[in-house]
Amino acid sequence: MSNLNFRRAARKQAKIKIGLQGSSGSGKSYSSLLLAFGLVGNWSKIAVIDSENNSADLYAHLGEYNVVPISAPYTPEKYIEAINLCVQHGMEAIVIDSISHEWEYLVDHHSNMPGNSFQNWGKITPRHNSFINGILQAPVHVIATIRSKQDYVLSEKNGKMVPEKVGLKGVTRDGMDYELTIVFDIDSRHQARASKDRTNLFVEKPEFQITPETGIAVRDWCNMIEPTEKSVPTEKQDFAGKIMNCKSLEELYALYKSSPEFQDTHKGAFLEQRNKIEFNSNFKSNGKLNIES
């Protein structure tokens, strides 16, 4: 008897696959965690596959998410094993930080293989394809971070071929972006823009900082929930917006002190905005915002 299943297309059946691309220090790991939390709303259902020397632990103050550390050699098979482990433990969102190590491993491995280079790629490619399929077929949301580096092309100037900068390029195999539903490019100011977006949620939108609300918007798209732009915000929702609009610790502290009726109900939002301001400003709190974690 056939094991094939026939059903109507339903977006709620899909699990989103997202890429976050940026150079070192752009905030890919931090943004991925906020995005994952917005997608599933439960830190305990998030796992980070960490190939960045335990950097995932730097953001443990955000919530009690899970970490699967992996070490060199960063083989495709090791990543696949880690993905399967996360699924077996009931995770609903997986952050792979980062997938660039997998491709760097394969490129290095290929360069050390004897024999014909073209034929050797024929041995490498199936391993990489299995890794990609492991991401795409995982029955959970997957967010993959990708390191960027300066890309160059050779241009002719005064009769000579000279390298010319043409922007940043992700350290992964060409075409990886075709496999993902959304790709966010994050710059050194932690500002994101969508270079690919099949959801149309972020197409032609100005640069923005990724927050849990970004993940909520994507989750609602996956669940076919229409945006409720016409609904009137409640007092609590309106105050949460005031917290998110604070751009400095001083402004946040003033709002906190002037609103004792919201200090307990919005403690989490105050803490999250404090962490975001500290992260974006690249300095530690001087203790002026005295909110107990």
Foldseek 3Di string as FASTA:
>chain_A
DDPDDDDDDALLQAAAEEEEEEAPQLCQLVLLLQLVCLQPVAQCLEEEADAPVPCNVVVCVLDPHHYRYDYPPPELVVLLVVLVVSVVVRHAEYEYEACLSHQVNLVVVLVPDDDDSVVSVVVSVVRVVVSLCSQRVRSHHYYHYWHKDWDWDWDADPNDTDTDTDDIDTNHDPPPVVSGQWYWYGYNLQWTATPHHNLPPGPPNDTDHRGSVNNNVVNCSSNVNDDPPVDDDDPLRVVLVVLLPDQAPVSLQVSCVVCVVCCVVCVSSSVVSQVVNCSSVVHDDPCSRDRDD
